[in-house]
Amino acid sequence: MLTEIEIDGIGTYRLPNMWQHSRIRVIRGPNQHLAILAFGLGMPLKQFKKLPDEKQDEVNRAWCRLTMSSNMPRAAA
């Protein structure tokens, strides 16, 4: 199971923890998804928005890869 993905020139992306999720829930609109991406890199939303679009897309692909169902652990039967 993947828990983090290294992104060249930016750093390591990890899924946000529970504390970060409580902060993200307060944000409304399109910035909420951007906050998930930014917090996973350990950077503020303003700093993330300054990244080039291709780097933001790369982070989004990393988030998609970490959250897809084939990456989730299977429950023991």
PDB file of N, CA and C in Angstrom:
ATOM      1  N   MET A   1       0.836  -1.174   0.000  1.00  0.00           N
ATOM      2  CA  MET A   1       0.000   0.000   0.000  1.00  0.00           C
ATOM      3  C   MET A   1       0.890   1.250   0.000  1.00  0.00           C
ATOM      4  N   LEU A   2       0.635   2.147  -0.927  1.00  0.00           N
ATOM      5  CA  LEU A   2       1.373   3.408  -0.997  1.00  0.00           C
ATOM      6  C   LEU A   2       0.905   4.358   0.101  1.00  0.00           C
ATOM      7  N   THR A   3       1.825   5.027   0.758  1.00  0.00           N
ATOM      8  CA  THR A   3       1.453   6.019   1.766  1.00  0.00           C
ATOM      9  C   THR A   3       2.005   7.393   1.432  1.00  0.00           C
ATOM     10  N   GLU A   4       2.968   7.453   0.523  1.00  0.00           N
ATOM     11  CA  GLU A   4       3.535   8.739   0.121  1.00  0.00           C
ATOM     12  C   GLU A   4       4.130   8.613  -1.272  1.00  0.00           C
ATOM     13  N   ILE A   5       4.193   9.747  -1.970  1.00  0.00           N
ATOM     14  CA  ILE A   5       4.748   9.788  -3.320  1.00  0.00           C
ATOM     15  C   ILE A   5       5.698  10.971  -3.400  1.00  0.00           C
ATOM     16  N   GLU A   6       6.894  10.730  -3.909  1.00  0.00           N
ATOM     17  CA  GLU A   6       7.892  11.789  -4.088  1.00  0.00           C
ATOM     18  C   GLU A   6       7.610  12.517  -5.399  1.00  0.00           C
ATOM     19  N   ILE A   7       7.552  13.839  -5.349  1.00  0.00           N
ATOM     20  CA  ILE A   7       7.304  14.660  -6.527  1.00  0.00           C
ATOM     21  C   ILE A   7       8.548  15.512  -6.766  1.00  0.00           C
ATOM     22  N   ASP A   8       9.136  15.357  -7.949  1.00  0.00           N
ATOM     23  CA  ASP A   8      10.385  16.066  -8.274  1.00  0.00           C
ATOM     24  C   ASP A   8      10.215  17.574  -8.173  1.00  0.00           C
ATOM     25  N   GLY A   9      11.147  18.205  -7.494  1.00  0.00           N
ATOM     26  CA  GLY A   9      11.158  19.648  -7.388  1.00  0.00           C
ATOM     27  C   GLY A   9      10.212  20.232  -6.358  1.00  0.00           C
ATOM     28  N   ILE A  10       9.409  19.385  -5.711  1.00  0.00           N
ATOM     29  CA  ILE A  10       8.441  19.888  -4.726  1.00  0.00           C
ATOM     30  C   ILE A  10       8.647  19.239  -3.371  1.00  0.00           C
ATOM     31  N   GLY A  11       8.634  17.920  -3.340  1.00  0.00           N
ATOM     32  CA  GLY A  11       8.794  17.210  -2.077  1.00  0.00           C
ATOM     33  C   GLY A  11       7.965  15.947  -2.051  1.00  0.00           C
ATOM     34  N   THR A  12       7.645  15.491  -0.862  1.00  0.00           N
ATOM     35  CA  THR A  12       6.895  14.255  -0.671  1.00  0.00           C
ATOM     36  C   THR A  12       5.442  14.577  -0.367  1.00  0.00           C
ATOM     37  N   TYR A  13       4.520  13.925  -1.101  1.00  0.00           N
ATOM     38  CA  TYR A  13       3.094  14.115  -0.848  1.00  0.00           C
ATOM     39  C   TYR A  13       2.591  12.953   0.005  1.00  0.00           C
ATOM     40  N   ARG A  14       1.940  13.296   1.116  1.00  0.00           N
ATOM     41  CA  ARG A  14       1.278  12.311   1.983  1.00  0.00           C
ATOM     42  C   ARG A  14      -0.165  12.750   2.153  1.00  0.00           C
ATOM     43  N   LEU A  15      -1.053  11.816   2.362  1.00  0.00           N
ATOM     44  CA  LEU A  15      -2.440  12.197   2.619  1.00  0.00           C
ATOM     45  C   LEU A  15      -2.514  12.995   3.916  1.00  0.00           C
ATOM     46  N   PRO A  16      -3.353  14.033   3.960  1.00  0.00           N
ATOM     47  CA  PRO A  16      -3.473  14.846   5.175  1.00  0.00           C
ATOM     48  C   PRO A  16      -3.946  14.015   6.368  1.00  0.00           C
ATOM     49  N   ASN A  17      -3.474  14.395   7.555  1.00  0.00           N
ATOM     50  CA  ASN A  17      -3.873  13.693   8.776  1.00  0.00           C
ATOM     51  C   ASN A  17      -5.193  14.264   9.310  1.00  0.00           C
ATOM     52  N   MET A  18      -5.670  13.744  10.440  1.00  0.00           N
ATOM     53  CA  MET A  18      -6.972  14.156  10.975  1.00  0.00           C
ATOM     54  C   MET A  18      -6.987  15.633  11.371  1.00  0.00           C
ATOM     55  N   TRP A  19      -5.913  16.129  11.944  1.00  0.00           N
ATOM     56  CA  TRP A  19      -5.855  17.538  12.313  1.00  0.00           C
ATOM     57  C   TRP A  19      -5.959  18.425  11.070  1.00  0.00           C
ATOM     58  N   GLN A  20      -5.244  18.042  10.019  1.00  0.00           N
ATOM     59  CA  GLN A  20      -5.295  18.812   8.776  1.00  0.00           C
ATOM     60  C   GLN A  20      -6.685  18.752   8.153  1.00  0.00           C
ATOM     61  N   HIS A  21      -7.340  17.584   8.229  1.00  0.00           N
ATOM     62  CA  HIS A  21      -8.699  17.463   7.688  1.00  0.00           C
ATOM     63  C   HIS A  21      -9.676  18.370   8.422  1.00  0.00           C
ATOM     64  N   SER A  22      -9.499  18.531   9.724  1.00  0.00           N
ATOM     65  CA  SER A  22     -10.398  19.428  10.456  1.00  0.00           C
ATOM     66  C   SER A  22     -10.203  20.869   9.988  1.00  0.00           C
ATOM     67  N   ARG A  23      -8.996  21.247   9.633  1.00  0.00           N
ATOM     68  CA  ARG A  23      -8.737  22.584   9.089  1.00  0.00           C
ATOM     69  C   ARG A  23      -9.298  22.717   7.671  1.00  0.00           C
ATOM     70  N   ILE A  24      -9.190  21.659   6.882  1.00  0.00           N
ATOM     71  CA  ILE A  24      -9.657  21.686   5.493  1.00  0.00           C
ATOM     72  C   ILE A  24     -11.174  21.817   5.436  1.00  0.00           C
ATOM     73  N   ARG A  25     -11.893  21.174   6.370  1.00  0.00           N
ATOM     74  CA  ARG A  25     -13.360  21.217   6.361  1.00  0.00           C
ATOM     75  C   ARG A  25     -13.913  22.634   6.498  1.00  0.00           C
ATOM     76  N   VAL A  26     -13.157  23.532   7.093  1.00  0.00           N
ATOM     77  CA  VAL A  26     -13.596  24.917   7.279  1.00  0.00           C
ATOM     78  C   VAL A  26     -13.573  25.688   5.952  1.00  0.00           C
ATOM     79  N   ILE A  27     -12.712  25.288   5.045  1.00  0.00           N
ATOM     80  CA  ILE A  27     -12.541  25.978   3.765  1.00  0.00           C
ATOM     81  C   ILE A  27     -13.686  25.591   2.833  1.00  0.00           C
ATOM     82  N   ARG A  28     -14.211  26.562   2.111  1.00  0.00           N
ATOM     83  CA  ARG A  28     -15.322  26.319   1.185  1.00  0.00           C
ATOM     84  C   ARG A  28     -14.890  26.590  -0.254  1.00  0.00           C
ATOM     85  N   GLY A  29     -15.621  26.015  -1.185  1.00  0.00           N
ATOM     86  CA  GLY A  29     -15.385  26.274  -2.600  1.00  0.00           C
ATOM     87  C   GLY A  29     -14.223  25.475  -3.167  1.00  0.00           C
ATOM     88  N   PRO A  30     -13.709  25.924  -4.325  1.00  0.00           N
ATOM     89  CA  PRO A  30     -12.637  25.180  -5.002  1.00  0.00           C
ATOM     90  C   PRO A  30     -11.336  25.147  -4.203  1.00  0.00           C
ATOM     91  N   ASN A  31     -11.181  26.074  -3.272  1.00  0.00           N
ATOM     92  CA  ASN A  31      -9.964  26.076  -2.457  1.00  0.00           C
ATOM     93  C   ASN A  31      -9.895  24.869  -1.529  1.00  0.00           C
ATOM     94  N   GLN A  32     -11.030  24.212  -1.267  1.00  0.00           N
ATOM     95  CA  GLN A  32     -11.018  23.063  -0.363  1.00  0.00           C
ATOM     96  C   GLN A  32     -10.175  21.928  -0.949  1.00  0.00           C
ATOM     97  N   HIS A  33     -10.363  21.637  -2.230  1.00  0.00           N
ATOM     98  CA  HIS A  33      -9.562  20.570  -2.842  1.00  0.00           C
ATOM     99  C   HIS A  33      -8.092  20.987  -2.929  1.00  0.00           C
ATOM    100  N   LEU A  34      -7.851  22.249  -3.254  1.00  0.00           N
ATOM    101  CA  LEU A  34      -6.468  22.731  -3.307  1.00  0.00           C
ATOM    102  C   LEU A  34      -5.810  22.635  -1.936  1.00  0.00           C
ATOM    103  N   ALA A  35      -6.581  22.844  -0.879  1.00  0.00           N
ATOM    104  CA  ALA A  35      -6.041  22.742   0.483  1.00  0.00           C
ATOM    105  C   ALA A  35      -5.619  21.307   0.786  1.00  0.00           C
ATOM    106  N   ILE A  36      -6.380  20.330   0.307  1.00  0.00           N
ATOM    107  CA  ILE A  36      -6.010  18.922   0.499  1.00  0.00           C
ATOM    108  C   ILE A  36      -4.648  18.662  -0.139  1.00  0.00           C
ATOM    109  N   LEU A  37      -4.459  19.205  -1.335  1.00  0.00           N
ATOM    110  CA  LEU A  37      -3.195  19.010  -2.043  1.00  0.00           C
ATOM    111  C   LEU A  37      -2.060  19.748  -1.345  1.00  0.00           C
ATOM    112  N   ALA A  38      -2.317  20.987  -0.937  1.00  0.00           N
ATOM    113  CA  ALA A  38      -1.275  21.798  -0.294  1.00  0.00           C
ATOM    114  C   ALA A  38      -0.868  21.222   1.054  1.00  0.00           C
ATOM    115  N   PHE A  39      -1.845  20.883   1.894  1.00  0.00           N
ATOM    116  CA  PHE A  39      -1.539  20.373   3.234  1.00  0.00           C
ATOM    117  C   PHE A  39      -0.795  19.049   3.156  1.00  0.00           C
ATOM    118  N   GLY A  40      -1.100  18.235   2.129  1.00  0.00           N
ATOM    119  CA  GLY A  40      -0.392  16.972   1.951  1.00  0.00           C
ATOM    120  C   GLY A  40       1.086  17.162   1.658  1.00  0.00           C
ATOM    121  N   LEU A  41       1.429  18.332   1.125  1.00  0.00           N
ATOM    122  CA  LEU A  41       2.837  18.665   0.873  1.00  0.00           C
ATOM    123  C   LEU A  41       3.456  19.406   2.041  1.00  0.00           C
ATOM    124  N   GLY A  42       2.621  19.774   3.014  1.00  0.00           N
ATOM    125  CA  GLY A  42       3.121  20.517   4.162  1.00  0.00           C
ATOM    126  C   GLY A  42       3.333  21.990   3.868  1.00  0.00           C
ATOM    127  N   MET A  43       2.562  22.528   2.926  1.00  0.00           N
ATOM    128  CA  MET A  43       2.706  23.951   2.603  1.00  0.00           C
ATOM    129  C   MET A  43       1.355  24.650   2.708  1.00  0.00           C
ATOM    130  N   PRO A  44       1.375  25.961   2.942  1.00  0.00           N
ATOM    131  CA  PRO A  44       0.119  26.703   2.999  1.00  0.00           C
ATOM    132  C   PRO A  44      -0.520  26.825   1.614  1.00  0.00           C
ATOM    133  N   LEU A  45      -1.811  27.094   1.598  1.00  0.00           N
ATOM    134  CA  LEU A  45      -2.565  27.196   0.352  1.00  0.00           C
ATOM    135  C   LEU A  45      -2.001  28.282  -0.564  1.00  0.00           C
ATOM    136  N   LYS A  46      -1.636  29.422  -0.015  1.00  0.00           N
ATOM    137  CA  LYS A  46      -1.076  30.519  -0.830  1.00  0.00           C
ATOM    138  C   LYS A  46       0.187  30.076  -1.562  1.00  0.00           C
ATOM    139  N   GLN A  47       1.038  29.348  -0.877  1.00  0.00           N
ATOM    140  CA  GLN A  47       2.280  28.878  -1.489  1.00  0.00           C
ATOM    141  C   GLN A  47       1.977  27.863  -2.587  1.00  0.00           C
ATOM    142  N   PHE A  48       1.003  26.974  -2.347  1.00  0.00           N
ATOM    143  CA  PHE A  48       0.645  25.966  -3.343  1.00  0.00           C
ATOM    144  C   PHE A  48       0.104  26.623  -4.608  1.00  0.00           C
ATOM    145  N   LYS A  49      -0.706  27.671  -4.452  1.00  0.00           N
ATOM    146  CA  LYS A  49      -1.285  28.351  -5.610  1.00  0.00           C
ATOM    147  C   LYS A  49      -0.220  29.015  -6.482  1.00  0.00           C
ATOM    148  N   LYS A  50       0.951  29.283  -5.932  1.00  0.00           N
ATOM    149  CA  LYS A  50       2.037  29.901  -6.694  1.00  0.00           C
ATOM    150  C   LYS A  50       2.808  28.887  -7.537  1.00  0.00           C
ATOM    151  N   LEU A  51       2.585  27.593  -7.297  1.00  0.00           N
ATOM    152  CA  LEU A  51       3.259  26.564  -8.092  1.00  0.00           C
ATOM    153  C   LEU A  51       2.745  26.611  -9.530  1.00  0.00           C
ATOM    154  N   PRO A  52       3.578  26.245 -10.507  1.00  0.00           N
ATOM    155  CA  PRO A  52       3.104  26.175 -11.895  1.00  0.00           C
ATOM    156  C   PRO A  52       1.977  25.140 -12.023  1.00  0.00           C
ATOM    157  N   ASP A  53       1.104  25.352 -13.005  1.00  0.00           N
ATOM    158  CA  ASP A  53      -0.045  24.463 -13.199  1.00  0.00           C
ATOM    159  C   ASP A  53       0.365  23.007 -13.382  1.00  0.00           C
ATOM    160  N   GLU A  54       1.468  22.762 -14.095  1.00  0.00           N
ATOM    161  CA  GLU A  54       1.880  21.367 -14.322  1.00  0.00           C
ATOM    162  C   GLU A  54       2.300  20.692 -13.017  1.00  0.00           C
ATOM    163  N   LYS A  55       2.893  21.445 -12.098  1.00  0.00           N
ATOM    164  CA  LYS A  55       3.259  20.873 -10.791  1.00  0.00           C
ATOM    165  C   LYS A  55       2.005  20.623  -9.955  1.00  0.00           C
ATOM    166  N   GLN A  56       1.030  21.539 -10.012  1.00  0.00           N
ATOM    167  CA  GLN A  56      -0.226  21.333  -9.298  1.00  0.00           C
ATOM    168  C   GLN A  56      -0.939  20.092  -9.835  1.00  0.00           C
ATOM    169  N   ASP A  57      -0.902  19.905 -11.164  1.00  0.00           N
ATOM    170  CA  ASP A  57      -1.511  18.715 -11.764  1.00  0.00           C
ATOM    171  C   ASP A  57      -0.793  17.444 -11.324  1.00  0.00           C
ATOM    172  N   GLU A  58       0.516  17.518 -11.207  1.00  0.00           N
ATOM    173  CA  GLU A  58       1.298  16.357 -10.766  1.00  0.00           C
ATOM    174  C   GLU A  58       0.937  15.973  -9.326  1.00  0.00           C
ATOM    175  N   VAL A  59       0.744  16.969  -8.475  1.00  0.00           N
ATOM    176  CA  VAL A  59       0.334  16.717  -7.090  1.00  0.00           C
ATOM    177  C   VAL A  59      -1.069  16.119  -7.072  1.00  0.00           C
ATOM    178  N   ASN A  60      -1.958  16.620  -7.931  1.00  0.00           N
ATOM    179  CA  ASN A  60      -3.317  16.075  -7.997  1.00  0.00           C
ATOM    180  C   ASN A  60      -3.296  14.613  -8.435  1.00  0.00           C
ATOM    181  N   ARG A  61      -2.442  14.276  -9.394  1.00  0.00           N
ATOM    182  CA  ARG A  61      -2.321  12.871  -9.823  1.00  0.00           C
ATOM    183  C   ARG A  61      -1.804  11.994  -8.681  1.00  0.00           C
ATOM    184  N   ALA A  62      -0.884  12.530  -7.885  1.00  0.00           N
ATOM    185  CA  ALA A  62      -0.377  11.781  -6.726  1.00  0.00           C
ATOM    186  C   ALA A  62      -1.503  11.542  -5.728  1.00  0.00           C
ATOM    187  N   TRP A  63      -2.326  12.561  -5.477  1.00  0.00           N
ATOM    188  CA  TRP A  63      -3.465  12.419  -4.560  1.00  0.00           C
ATOM    189  C   TRP A  63      -4.431  11.356  -5.083  1.00  0.00           C
ATOM    190  N   CYS A  64      -4.729  11.404  -6.381  1.00  0.00           N
ATOM    191  CA  CYS A  64      -5.630  10.410  -6.982  1.00  0.00           C
ATOM    192  C   CYS A  64      -5.061   9.000  -6.826  1.00  0.00           C
ATOM    193  N   ARG A  65      -3.767   8.866  -7.032  1.00  0.00           N
ATOM    194  CA  ARG A  65      -3.129   7.550  -6.928  1.00  0.00           C
ATOM    195  C   ARG A  65      -3.187   7.011  -5.500  1.00  0.00           C
ATOM    196  N   LEU A  66      -3.005   7.891  -4.511  1.00  0.00           N
ATOM    197  CA  LEU A  66      -3.037   7.453  -3.113  1.00  0.00           C
ATOM    198  C   LEU A  66      -4.447   7.132  -2.633  1.00  0.00           C
ATOM    199  N   THR A  67      -5.458   7.753  -3.227  1.00  0.00           N
ATOM    200  CA  THR A  67      -6.828   7.547  -2.756  1.00  0.00           C
ATOM    201  C   THR A  67      -7.620   6.544  -3.584  1.00  0.00           C
ATOM    202  N   MET A  68      -7.058   6.028  -4.665  1.00  0.00           N
ATOM    203  CA  MET A  68      -7.824   5.065  -5.463  1.00  0.00           C
ATOM    204  C   MET A  68      -8.022   3.765  -4.690  1.00  0.00           C
ATOM    205  N   SER A  69      -9.114   3.097  -4.978  1.00  0.00           N
ATOM    206  CA  SER A  69      -9.514   1.930  -4.190  1.00  0.00           C
ATOM    207  C   SER A  69      -8.510   0.782  -4.249  1.00  0.00           C
ATOM    208  N   SER A  70      -7.774   0.639  -5.333  1.00  0.00           N
ATOM    209  CA  SER A  70      -6.808  -0.458  -5.422  1.00  0.00           C
ATOM    210  C   SER A  70      -5.619  -0.242  -4.487  1.00  0.00           C
ATOM    211  N   ASN A  71      -5.460   0.949  -3.951  1.00  0.00           N
ATOM    212  CA  ASN A  71      -4.374   1.229  -3.012  1.00  0.00           C
ATOM    213  C   ASN A  71      -4.803   1.005  -1.558  1.00  0.00           C
ATOM    214  N   MET A  72      -6.092   0.856  -1.318  1.00  0.00           N
ATOM    215  CA  MET A  72      -6.591   0.692   0.048  1.00  0.00           C
ATOM    216  C   MET A  72      -6.368  -0.746   0.532  1.00  0.00           C
ATOM    217  N   PRO A  73      -6.070  -0.914   1.815  1.00  0.00           N
ATOM    218  CA  PRO A  73      -5.858  -2.275   2.333  1.00  0.00           C
ATOM    219  C   PRO A  73      -7.157  -3.072   2.320  1.00  0.00           C
ATOM    220  N   ARG A  74      -7.032  -4.343   2.066  1.00  0.00           N
ATOM    221  CA  ARG A  74      -8.202  -5.219   2.047  1.00  0.00           C
ATOM    222  C   ARG A  74      -8.524  -5.667   3.474  1.00  0.00           C
ATOM    223  N   ALA A  75      -9.802  -5.748   3.784  1.00  0.00           N
ATOM    224  CA  ALA A  75     -10.235  -6.202   5.109  1.00  0.00           C
ATOM    225  C   ALA A  75     -10.067  -7.719   5.197  1.00  0.00           C
ATOM    226  N   ALA A  76      -9.619  -8.181   6.338  1.00  0.00           N
ATOM    227  CA  ALA A  76      -9.457  -9.622   6.545  1.00  0.00           C
ATOM    228  C   ALA A  76     -10.830 -10.268   6.674  1.00  0.00           C
ATOM    229  N   ALA A  77     -11.000 -11.394   6.014  1.00  0.00           N
ATOM    230  CA  ALA A  77     -12.305 -12.076   6.037  1.00  0.00           C
ATOM    231  C   ALA A  77     -12.438 -12.986   7.225  1.00  0.00           C
TER     232      ALA A  77
END
